[in-house]
Amino acid sequence: MVVKGTIPFLAPELLRQMLSVENHQDTNEGQSGVRGHISNGIFSLGCVFYRFLTEDRHPFMEGLGETQTFAQSLTRSRLKPDKDERPQINKVKQEMNSHLNN
């Protein structure tokens, strides 16, 4: 699996892997050596949700207003640095449905 994406939306563990591979340059030509996981997508999804809800602000920028505070509460679990602490996709769907129905 080749990992592609926009740098600000990449999960921290992917960035660390990419830097490690670059530093060691021990991969075959055409292979990134970086392995993706569904939890990486959950992190990116959290970033996208946050930007959508806050009119294009990044979740780790300064100056939180009321909208940013709501967006943080909705996306906080998706943005956990530890991939094992991020929710499963069915939990994300359940939380989104709950917020949309209230």
PDB file of N, CA and C in Angstrom:
ATOM      1  N   MET A   1       0.848  -1.178   0.000  1.00  0.00           N
ATOM      2  CA  MET A   1       0.000   0.000   0.000  1.00  0.00           C
ATOM      3  C   MET A   1       0.892   1.240   0.000  1.00  0.00           C
ATOM      4  N   VAL A   2       0.649   2.126  -0.921  1.00  0.00           N
ATOM      5  CA  VAL A   2       1.385   3.376  -0.975  1.00  0.00           C
ATOM      6  C   VAL A   2       0.581   4.424  -0.222  1.00  0.00           C
ATOM      7  N   VAL A   3       1.224   5.108   0.686  1.00  0.00           N
ATOM      8  CA  VAL A   3       0.553   6.136   1.477  1.00  0.00           C
ATOM      9  C   VAL A   3       0.658   7.458   0.745  1.00  0.00           C
ATOM     10  N   LYS A   4      -0.497   8.074   0.521  1.00  0.00           N
ATOM     11  CA  LYS A   4      -0.558   9.386  -0.115  1.00  0.00           C
ATOM     12  C   LYS A   4      -1.456  10.260   0.737  1.00  0.00           C
ATOM     13  N   GLY A   5      -1.277  11.555   0.643  1.00  0.00           N
ATOM     14  CA  GLY A   5      -2.159  12.437   1.387  1.00  0.00           C
ATOM     15  C   GLY A   5      -1.585  13.828   1.530  1.00  0.00           C
ATOM     16  N   THR A   6      -2.387  14.698   2.094  1.00  0.00           N
ATOM     17  CA  THR A   6      -1.994  16.070   2.359  1.00  0.00           C
ATOM     18  C   THR A   6      -1.314  16.105   3.724  1.00  0.00           C
ATOM     19  N   ILE A   7      -0.118  16.644   3.771  1.00  0.00           N
ATOM     20  CA  ILE A   7       0.705  16.605   4.989  1.00  0.00           C
ATOM     21  C   ILE A   7      -0.054  17.032   6.249  1.00  0.00           C
ATOM     22  N   PRO A   8      -0.778  18.163   6.264  1.00  0.00           N
ATOM     23  CA  PRO A   8      -1.451  18.549   7.513  1.00  0.00           C
ATOM     24  C   PRO A   8      -2.524  17.566   7.982  1.00  0.00           C
ATOM     25  N   PHE A   9      -2.987  16.682   7.103  1.00  0.00           N
ATOM     26  CA  PHE A   9      -4.026  15.722   7.465  1.00  0.00           C
ATOM     27  C   PHE A   9      -3.482  14.336   7.768  1.00  0.00           C
ATOM     28  N   LEU A  10      -2.195  14.122   7.586  1.00  0.00           N
ATOM     29  CA  LEU A  10      -1.622  12.797   7.834  1.00  0.00           C
ATOM     30  C   LEU A  10      -1.509  12.535   9.330  1.00  0.00           C
ATOM     31  N   ALA A  11      -1.823  11.323   9.719  1.00  0.00           N
ATOM     32  CA  ALA A  11      -1.713  10.922  11.124  1.00  0.00           C
ATOM     33  C   ALA A  11      -0.252  10.980  11.562  1.00  0.00           C
ATOM     34  N   PRO A  12      -0.005  11.321  12.830  1.00  0.00           N
ATOM     35  CA  PRO A  12       1.371  11.460  13.323  1.00  0.00           C
ATOM     36  C   PRO A  12       2.227  10.217  13.096  1.00  0.00           C
ATOM     37  N   GLU A  13       1.631   9.030  13.265  1.00  0.00           N
ATOM     38  CA  GLU A  13       2.429   7.816  13.093  1.00  0.00           C
ATOM     39  C   GLU A  13       2.866   7.629  11.642  1.00  0.00           C
ATOM     40  N   LEU A  14       2.063   8.105  10.682  1.00  0.00           N
ATOM     41  CA  LEU A  14       2.470   8.028   9.278  1.00  0.00           C
ATOM     42  C   LEU A  14       3.626   8.978   9.001  1.00  0.00           C
ATOM     43  N   LEU A  15       3.537  10.172   9.564  1.00  0.00           N
ATOM     44  CA  LEU A  15       4.632  11.129   9.381  1.00  0.00           C
ATOM     45  C   LEU A  15       5.935  10.584   9.959  1.00  0.00           C
ATOM     46  N   ARG A  16       5.851   9.977  11.150  1.00  0.00           N
ATOM     47  CA  ARG A  16       7.057   9.394  11.752  1.00  0.00           C
ATOM     48  C   ARG A  16       7.627   8.285  10.874  1.00  0.00           C
ATOM     49  N   GLN A  17       6.748   7.418  10.346  1.00  0.00           N
ATOM     50  CA  GLN A  17       7.210   6.335   9.474  1.00  0.00           C
ATOM     51  C   GLN A  17       7.858   6.892   8.212  1.00  0.00           C
ATOM     52  N   MET A  18       7.238   7.907   7.635  1.00  0.00           N
ATOM     53  CA  MET A  18       7.773   8.491   6.404  1.00  0.00           C
ATOM     54  C   MET A  18       9.146   9.099   6.649  1.00  0.00           C
ATOM     55  N   LEU A  19       9.305   9.796   7.769  1.00  0.00           N
ATOM     56  CA  LEU A  19      10.609  10.381   8.097  1.00  0.00           C
ATOM     57  C   LEU A  19      11.649   9.301   8.342  1.00  0.00           C
ATOM     58  N   SER A  20      11.256   8.235   9.003  1.00  0.00           N
ATOM     59  CA  SER A  20      12.172   7.133   9.275  1.00  0.00           C
ATOM     60  C   SER A  20      12.637   6.484   7.978  1.00  0.00           C
ATOM     61  N   VAL A  21      11.715   6.255   7.058  1.00  0.00           N
ATOM     62  CA  VAL A  21      12.064   5.644   5.771  1.00  0.00           C
ATOM     63  C   VAL A  21      12.990   6.562   4.989  1.00  0.00           C
ATOM     64  N   GLU A  22      12.681   7.872   4.982  1.00  0.00           N
ATOM     65  CA  GLU A  22      13.543   8.829   4.280  1.00  0.00           C
ATOM     66  C   GLU A  22      14.944   8.835   4.868  1.00  0.00           C
ATOM     67  N   ASN A  23      15.041   8.796   6.179  1.00  0.00           N
ATOM     68  CA  ASN A  23      16.349   8.845   6.834  1.00  0.00           C
ATOM     69  C   ASN A  23      17.174   7.595   6.578  1.00  0.00           C
ATOM     70  N   HIS A  24      16.516   6.453   6.450  1.00  0.00           N
ATOM     71  CA  HIS A  24      17.257   5.202   6.255  1.00  0.00           C
ATOM     72  C   HIS A  24      17.399   4.818   4.790  1.00  0.00           C
ATOM     73  N   GLN A  25      16.535   5.348   3.943  1.00  0.00           N
ATOM     74  CA  GLN A  25      16.570   5.085   2.504  1.00  0.00           C
ATOM     75  C   GLN A  25      16.836   3.619   2.205  1.00  0.00           C
ATOM     76  N   ASP A  26      16.082   2.746   2.874  1.00  0.00           N
ATOM     77  CA  ASP A  26      16.289   1.318   2.685  1.00  0.00           C
ATOM     78  C   ASP A  26      15.101   0.646   2.001  1.00  0.00           C
ATOM     79  N   THR A  27      14.362   1.412   1.210  1.00  0.00           N
ATOM     80  CA  THR A  27      13.212   0.837   0.522  1.00  0.00           C
ATOM     81  C   THR A  27      13.539   0.614  -0.941  1.00  0.00           C
ATOM     82  N   ASN A  28      12.774  -0.257  -1.565  1.00  0.00           N
ATOM     83  CA  ASN A  28      12.930  -0.494  -2.991  1.00  0.00           C
ATOM     84  C   ASN A  28      12.367   0.680  -3.768  1.00  0.00           C
ATOM     85  N   GLU A  29      12.876   0.880  -4.963  1.00  0.00           N
ATOM     86  CA  GLU A  29      12.390   1.962  -5.801  1.00  0.00           C
ATOM     87  C   GLU A  29      10.898   1.776  -6.051  1.00  0.00           C
ATOM     88  N   GLY A  30      10.132   2.859  -5.899  1.00  0.00           N
ATOM     89  CA  GLY A  30       8.698   2.804  -6.128  1.00  0.00           C
ATOM     90  C   GLY A  30       7.881   2.382  -4.914  1.00  0.00           C
ATOM     91  N   GLN A  31       8.519   2.003  -3.830  1.00  0.00           N
ATOM     92  CA  GLN A  31       7.806   1.592  -2.627  1.00  0.00           C
ATOM     93  C   GLN A  31       8.094   2.590  -1.512  1.00  0.00           C
ATOM     94  N   SER A  32       7.042   3.024  -0.826  1.00  0.00           N
ATOM     95  CA  SER A  32       7.247   4.015   0.232  1.00  0.00           C
ATOM     96  C   SER A  32       7.753   3.384   1.518  1.00  0.00           C
ATOM     97  N   GLY A  33       7.467   2.111   1.749  1.00  0.00           N
ATOM     98  CA  GLY A  33       7.861   1.466   2.992  1.00  0.00           C
ATOM     99  C   GLY A  33       6.978   1.845   4.167  1.00  0.00           C
ATOM    100  N   VAL A  34       5.974   2.672   3.931  1.00  0.00           N
ATOM    101  CA  VAL A  34       5.078   3.147   4.978  1.00  0.00           C
ATOM    102  C   VAL A  34       3.769   2.380   4.861  1.00  0.00           C
ATOM    103  N   ARG A  35       3.311   1.833   5.980  1.00  0.00           N
ATOM    104  CA  ARG A  35       2.088   1.033   5.990  1.00  0.00           C
ATOM    105  C   ARG A  35       0.944   1.837   6.593  1.00  0.00           C
ATOM    106  N   GLY A  36      -0.165   1.855   5.893  1.00  0.00           N
ATOM    107  CA  GLY A  36      -1.341   2.565   6.368  1.00  0.00           C
ATOM    108  C   GLY A  36      -2.255   1.657   7.182  1.00  0.00           C
ATOM    109  N   HIS A  37      -3.173   2.272   7.906  1.00  0.00           N
ATOM    110  CA  HIS A  37      -4.131   1.556   8.757  1.00  0.00           C
ATOM    111  C   HIS A  37      -5.408   2.384   8.800  1.00  0.00           C
ATOM    112  N   ILE A  38      -6.544   1.765   9.053  1.00  0.00           N
ATOM    113  CA  ILE A  38      -7.820   2.477   9.102  1.00  0.00           C
ATOM    114  C   ILE A  38      -7.787   3.614  10.122  1.00  0.00           C
ATOM    115  N   SER A  39      -7.042   3.460  11.206  1.00  0.00           N
ATOM    116  CA  SER A  39      -6.972   4.524  12.219  1.00  0.00           C
ATOM    117  C   SER A  39      -6.297   5.775  11.661  1.00  0.00           C
ATOM    118  N   ASN A  40      -5.446   5.621  10.632  1.00  0.00           N
ATOM    119  CA  ASN A  40      -4.848   6.788   9.975  1.00  0.00           C
ATOM    120  C   ASN A  40      -5.940   7.597   9.282  1.00  0.00           C
ATOM    121  N   GLY A  41      -6.877   6.882   8.671  1.00  0.00           N
ATOM    122  CA  GLY A  41      -7.999   7.541   8.008  1.00  0.00           C
ATOM    123  C   GLY A  41      -8.926   8.225   8.992  1.00  0.00           C
ATOM    124  N   ILE A  42      -9.093   7.639  10.171  1.00  0.00           N
ATOM    125  CA  ILE A  42      -9.928   8.257  11.210  1.00  0.00           C
ATOM    126  C   ILE A  42      -9.321   9.592  11.625  1.00  0.00           C
ATOM    127  N   PHE A  43      -7.995   9.647  11.765  1.00  0.00           N
ATOM    128  CA  PHE A  43      -7.318  10.900  12.110  1.00  0.00           C
ATOM    129  C   PHE A  43      -7.584  11.942  11.023  1.00  0.00           C
ATOM    130  N   SER A  44      -7.377  11.557   9.770  1.00  0.00           N
ATOM    131  CA  SER A  44      -7.594  12.482   8.654  1.00  0.00           C
ATOM    132  C   SER A  44      -9.043  12.941   8.593  1.00  0.00           C
ATOM    133  N   LEU A  45      -9.969  12.018   8.843  1.00  0.00           N
ATOM    134  CA  LEU A  45     -11.386  12.358   8.858  1.00  0.00           C
ATOM    135  C   LEU A  45     -11.678  13.395   9.943  1.00  0.00           C
ATOM    136  N   GLY A  46     -11.055  13.242  11.101  1.00  0.00           N
ATOM    137  CA  GLY A  46     -11.209  14.233  12.167  1.00  0.00           C
ATOM    138  C   GLY A  46     -10.750  15.610  11.722  1.00  0.00           C
ATOM    139  N   CYS A  47      -9.626  15.668  11.009  1.00  0.00           N
ATOM    140  CA  CYS A  47      -9.121  16.953  10.490  1.00  0.00           C
ATOM    141  C   CYS A  47     -10.100  17.559   9.490  1.00  0.00           C
ATOM    142  N   VAL A  48     -10.626  16.738   8.597  1.00  0.00           N
ATOM    143  CA  VAL A  48     -11.575  17.222   7.590  1.00  0.00           C
ATOM    144  C   VAL A  48     -12.857  17.712   8.256  1.00  0.00           C
ATOM    145  N   PHE A  49     -13.414  16.931   9.198  1.00  0.00           N
ATOM    146  CA  PHE A  49     -14.611  17.363   9.921  1.00  0.00           C
ATOM    147  C   PHE A  49     -14.361  18.707  10.597  1.00  0.00           C
ATOM    148  N   TYR A  50     -13.235  18.816  11.266  1.00  0.00           N
ATOM    149  CA  TYR A  50     -12.921  20.037  12.003  1.00  0.00           C
ATOM    150  C   TYR A  50     -12.866  21.234  11.061  1.00  0.00           C
ATOM    151  N   ARG A  51     -12.161  21.076   9.950  1.00  0.00           N
ATOM    152  CA  ARG A  51     -12.039  22.188   9.000  1.00  0.00           C
ATOM    153  C   ARG A  51     -13.392  22.551   8.411  1.00  0.00           C
ATOM    154  N   PHE A  52     -14.204  21.559   8.131  1.00  0.00           N
ATOM    155  CA  PHE A  52     -15.537  21.816   7.597  1.00  0.00           C
ATOM    156  C   PHE A  52     -16.385  22.593   8.603  1.00  0.00           C
ATOM    157  N   LEU A  53     -16.347  22.187   9.860  1.00  0.00           N
ATOM    158  CA  LEU A  53     -17.169  22.810  10.897  1.00  0.00           C
ATOM    159  C   LEU A  53     -16.675  24.188  11.319  1.00  0.00           C
ATOM    160  N   THR A  54     -15.410  24.473  11.083  1.00  0.00           N
ATOM    161  CA  THR A  54     -14.833  25.740  11.551  1.00  0.00           C
ATOM    162  C   THR A  54     -14.434  26.665  10.411  1.00  0.00           C
ATOM    163  N   GLU A  55     -14.996  26.436   9.256  1.00  0.00           N
ATOM    164  CA  GLU A  55     -14.728  27.283   8.094  1.00  0.00           C
ATOM    165  C   GLU A  55     -13.251  27.319   7.747  1.00  0.00           C
ATOM    166  N   ASP A  56     -12.683  26.144   7.601  1.00  0.00           N
ATOM    167  CA  ASP A  56     -11.336  25.943   7.066  1.00  0.00           C
ATOM    168  C   ASP A  56     -10.194  26.238   8.035  1.00  0.00           C
ATOM    169  N   ARG A  57     -10.424  26.133   9.328  1.00  0.00           N
ATOM    170  CA  ARG A  57      -9.323  26.251  10.294  1.00  0.00           C
ATOM    171  C   ARG A  57      -8.766  24.864  10.566  1.00  0.00           C
ATOM    172  N   HIS A  58      -7.488  24.801  10.839  1.00  0.00           N
ATOM    173  CA  HIS A  58      -6.862  23.516  11.170  1.00  0.00           C
ATOM    174  C   HIS A  58      -7.072  23.258  12.661  1.00  0.00           C
ATOM    175  N   PRO A  59      -7.276  21.996  13.077  1.00  0.00           N
ATOM    176  CA  PRO A  59      -7.592  21.707  14.482  1.00  0.00           C
ATOM    177  C   PRO A  59      -6.514  22.067  15.488  1.00  0.00           C
ATOM    178  N   PHE A  60      -5.295  22.271  15.060  1.00  0.00           N
ATOM    179  CA  PHE A  60      -4.230  22.570  16.011  1.00  0.00           C
ATOM    180  C   PHE A  60      -3.774  24.026  15.936  1.00  0.00           C
ATOM    181  N   MET A  61      -4.620  24.894  15.373  1.00  0.00           N
ATOM    182  CA  MET A  61      -4.306  26.317  15.301  1.00  0.00           C
ATOM    183  C   MET A  61      -4.846  27.010  16.552  1.00  0.00           C
ATOM    184  N   GLU A  62      -4.378  28.233  16.792  1.00  0.00           N
ATOM    185  CA  GLU A  62      -4.789  28.984  17.986  1.00  0.00           C
ATOM    186  C   GLU A  62      -6.121  29.699  17.769  1.00  0.00           C
ATOM    187  N   GLY A  63      -6.670  30.222  18.858  1.00  0.00           N
ATOM    188  CA  GLY A  63      -7.841  31.089  18.808  1.00  0.00           C
ATOM    189  C   GLY A  63      -9.154  30.354  18.611  1.00  0.00           C
ATOM    190  N   LEU A  64      -9.644  29.715  19.643  1.00  0.00           N
ATOM    191  CA  LEU A  64     -10.884  28.959  19.535  1.00  0.00           C
ATOM    192  C   LEU A  64     -12.090  29.826  19.865  1.00  0.00           C
ATOM    193  N   GLY A  65     -13.045  29.850  18.969  1.00  0.00           N
ATOM    194  CA  GLY A  65     -14.317  30.502  19.222  1.00  0.00           C
ATOM    195  C   GLY A  65     -15.350  29.448  19.567  1.00  0.00           C
ATOM    196  N   GLU A  66     -16.621  29.852  19.602  1.00  0.00           N
ATOM    197  CA  GLU A  66     -17.688  28.911  19.959  1.00  0.00           C
ATOM    198  C   GLU A  66     -17.767  27.753  18.962  1.00  0.00           C
ATOM    199  N   THR A  67     -17.668  28.065  17.670  1.00  0.00           N
ATOM    200  CA  THR A  67     -17.733  27.017  16.648  1.00  0.00           C
ATOM    201  C   THR A  67     -16.562  26.065  16.775  1.00  0.00           C
ATOM    202  N   GLN A  68     -15.370  26.610  17.015  1.00  0.00           N
ATOM    203  CA  GLN A  68     -14.200  25.751  17.157  1.00  0.00           C
ATOM    204  C   GLN A  68     -14.325  24.843  18.374  1.00  0.00           C
ATOM    205  N   THR A  69     -14.900  25.355  19.457  1.00  0.00           N
ATOM    206  CA  THR A  69     -15.076  24.543  20.659  1.00  0.00           C
ATOM    207  C   THR A  69     -16.013  23.370  20.379  1.00  0.00           C
ATOM    208  N   PHE A  70     -17.113  23.626  19.663  1.00  0.00           N
ATOM    209  CA  PHE A  70     -18.032  22.554  19.280  1.00  0.00           C
ATOM    210  C   PHE A  70     -17.313  21.543  18.392  1.00  0.00           C
ATOM    211  N   ALA A  71     -16.581  22.039  17.423  1.00  0.00           N
ATOM    212  CA  ALA A  71     -15.868  21.155  16.500  1.00  0.00           C
ATOM    213  C   ALA A  71     -14.834  20.318  17.241  1.00  0.00           C
ATOM    214  N   GLN A  72     -14.168  20.905  18.219  1.00  0.00           N
ATOM    215  CA  GLN A  72     -13.183  20.141  18.992  1.00  0.00           C
ATOM    216  C   GLN A  72     -13.850  19.014  19.762  1.00  0.00           C
ATOM    217  N   SER A  73     -15.004  19.303  20.363  1.00  0.00           N
ATOM    218  CA  SER A  73     -15.670  18.241  21.124  1.00  0.00           C
ATOM    219  C   SER A  73     -16.116  17.109  20.201  1.00  0.00           C
ATOM    220  N   LEU A  74     -16.500  17.447  18.979  1.00  0.00           N
ATOM    221  CA  LEU A  74     -16.953  16.442  18.024  1.00  0.00           C
ATOM    222  C   LEU A  74     -15.797  15.634  17.447  1.00  0.00           C
ATOM    223  N   THR A  75     -14.641  16.252  17.307  1.00  0.00           N
ATOM    224  CA  THR A  75     -13.527  15.600  16.608  1.00  0.00           C
ATOM    225  C   THR A  75     -12.390  15.154  17.512  1.00  0.00           C
ATOM    226  N   ARG A  76     -12.429  15.503  18.780  1.00  0.00           N
ATOM    227  CA  ARG A  76     -11.317  15.234  19.699  1.00  0.00           C
ATOM    228  C   ARG A  76     -10.835  13.781  19.650  1.00  0.00           C
ATOM    229  N   SER A  77     -11.749  12.834  19.709  1.00  0.00           N
ATOM    230  CA  SER A  77     -11.339  11.426  19.747  1.00  0.00           C
ATOM    231  C   SER A  77     -10.706  10.970  18.438  1.00  0.00           C
ATOM    232  N   ARG A  78     -11.070  11.599  17.335  1.00  0.00           N
ATOM    233  CA  ARG A  78     -10.509  11.218  16.042  1.00  0.00           C
ATOM    234  C   ARG A  78      -9.087  11.731  15.859  1.00  0.00           C
ATOM    235  N   LEU A  79      -8.715  12.716  16.652  1.00  0.00           N
ATOM    236  CA  LEU A  79      -7.409  13.356  16.506  1.00  0.00           C
ATOM    237  C   LEU A  79      -6.395  12.885  17.548  1.00  0.00           C
ATOM    238  N   LYS A  80      -6.660  11.785  18.204  1.00  0.00           N
ATOM    239  CA  LYS A  80      -5.729  11.251  19.211  1.00  0.00           C
ATOM    240  C   LYS A  80      -4.399  10.903  18.543  1.00  0.00           C
ATOM    241  N   PRO A  81      -3.279  11.315  19.133  1.00  0.00           N
ATOM    242  CA  PRO A  81      -1.972  10.971  18.565  1.00  0.00           C
ATOM    243  C   PRO A  81      -1.710   9.465  18.518  1.00  0.00           C
ATOM    244  N   ASP A  82      -2.253   8.727  19.486  1.00  0.00           N
ATOM    245  CA  ASP A  82      -2.070   7.275  19.523  1.00  0.00           C
ATOM    246  C   ASP A  82      -3.178   6.623  18.702  1.00  0.00           C
ATOM    247  N   LYS A  83      -2.811   5.936  17.626  1.00  0.00           N
ATOM    248  CA  LYS A  83      -3.809   5.353  16.725  1.00  0.00           C
ATOM    249  C   LYS A  83      -4.735   4.365  17.424  1.00  0.00           C
ATOM    250  N   ASP A  84      -4.253   3.709  18.458  1.00  0.00           N
ATOM    251  CA  ASP A  84      -5.082   2.736  19.174  1.00  0.00           C
ATOM    252  C   ASP A  84      -6.168   3.391  20.024  1.00  0.00           C
ATOM    253  N   GLU A  85      -6.050   4.692  20.264  1.00  0.00           N
ATOM    254  CA  GLU A  85      -7.057   5.418  21.044  1.00  0.00           C
ATOM    255  C   GLU A  85      -8.140   6.037  20.167  1.00  0.00           C
ATOM    256  N   ARG A  86      -7.981   5.982  18.843  1.00  0.00           N
ATOM    257  CA  ARG A  86      -8.991   6.537  17.944  1.00  0.00           C
ATOM    258  C   ARG A  86     -10.169   5.574  17.840  1.00  0.00           C
ATOM    259  N   PRO A  87     -11.385   6.124  17.649  1.00  0.00           N
ATOM    260  CA  PRO A  87     -12.566   5.260  17.594  1.00  0.00           C
ATOM    261  C   PRO A  87     -12.628   4.433  16.311  1.00  0.00           C
ATOM    262  N   GLN A  88     -13.363   3.348  16.384  1.00  0.00           N
ATOM    263  CA  GLN A  88     -13.659   2.549  15.200  1.00  0.00           C
ATOM    264  C   GLN A  88     -14.656   3.328  14.340  1.00  0.00           C
ATOM    265  N   ILE A  89     -14.707   3.013  13.050  1.00  0.00           N
ATOM    266  CA  ILE A  89     -15.562   3.766  12.129  1.00  0.00           C
ATOM    267  C   ILE A  89     -17.044   3.678  12.502  1.00  0.00           C
ATOM    268  N   ASN A  90     -17.504   2.553  13.056  1.00  0.00           N
ATOM    269  CA  ASN A  90     -18.915   2.455  13.451  1.00  0.00           C
ATOM    270  C   ASN A  90     -19.237   3.416  14.592  1.00  0.00           C
ATOM    271  N   LYS A  91     -18.286   3.669  15.482  1.00  0.00           N
ATOM    272  CA  LYS A  91     -18.464   4.635  16.576  1.00  0.00           C
ATOM    273  C   LYS A  91     -18.522   6.056  16.010  1.00  0.00           C
ATOM    274  N   VAL A  92     -17.689   6.345  15.016  1.00  0.00           N
ATOM    275  CA  VAL A  92     -17.702   7.660  14.360  1.00  0.00           C
ATOM    276  C   VAL A  92     -19.077   7.900  13.734  1.00  0.00           C
ATOM    277  N   LYS A  93     -19.583   6.905  13.034  1.00  0.00           N
ATOM    278  CA  LYS A  93     -20.901   7.018  12.395  1.00  0.00           C
ATOM    279  C   LYS A  93     -21.992   7.259  13.435  1.00  0.00           C
ATOM    280  N   GLN A  94     -21.951   6.521  14.529  1.00  0.00           N
ATOM    281  CA  GLN A  94     -22.942   6.670  15.593  1.00  0.00           C
ATOM    282  C   GLN A  94     -22.895   8.082  16.187  1.00  0.00           C
ATOM    283  N   GLU A  95     -21.703   8.599  16.459  1.00  0.00           N
ATOM    284  CA  GLU A  95     -21.571   9.948  17.021  1.00  0.00           C
ATOM    285  C   GLU A  95     -22.077  11.005  16.048  1.00  0.00           C
ATOM    286  N   MET A  96     -21.754  10.846  14.763  1.00  0.00           N
ATOM    287  CA  MET A  96     -22.203  11.818  13.769  1.00  0.00           C
ATOM    288  C   MET A  96     -23.730  11.813  13.667  1.00  0.00           C
ATOM    289  N   ASN A  97     -24.327  10.633  13.637  1.00  0.00           N
ATOM    290  CA  ASN A  97     -25.792  10.549  13.588  1.00  0.00           C
ATOM    291  C   ASN A  97     -26.420  11.205  14.807  1.00  0.00           C
ATOM    292  N   SER A  98     -25.831  11.006  15.969  1.00  0.00           N
ATOM    293  CA  SER A  98     -26.340  11.603  17.200  1.00  0.00           C
ATOM    294  C   SER A  98     -26.312  13.131  17.121  1.00  0.00           C
ATOM    295  N   HIS A  99     -25.203  13.688  16.650  1.00  0.00           N
ATOM    296  CA  HIS A  99     -25.087  15.149  16.534  1.00  0.00           C
ATOM    297  C   HIS A  99     -26.034  15.705  15.477  1.00  0.00           C
ATOM    298  N   LEU A 100     -26.190  14.993  14.377  1.00  0.00           N
ATOM    299  CA  LEU A 100     -27.058  15.473  13.303  1.00  0.00           C
ATOM    300  C   LEU A 100     -28.529  15.410  13.678  1.00  0.00           C
ATOM    301  N   ASN A 101     -28.895  14.468  14.530  1.00  0.00           N
ATOM    302  CA  ASN A 101     -30.296  14.304  14.918  1.00  0.00           C
ATOM    303  C   ASN A 101     -30.700  15.177  16.096  1.00  0.00           C
ATOM    304  N   ASN A 102     -29.769  15.882  16.709  1.00  0.00           N
ATOM    305  CA  ASN A 102     -30.084  16.761  17.852  1.00  0.00           C
ATOM    306  C   ASN A 102     -30.121  18.202  17.447  1.00  0.00           C
TER     307      ASN A 102
END
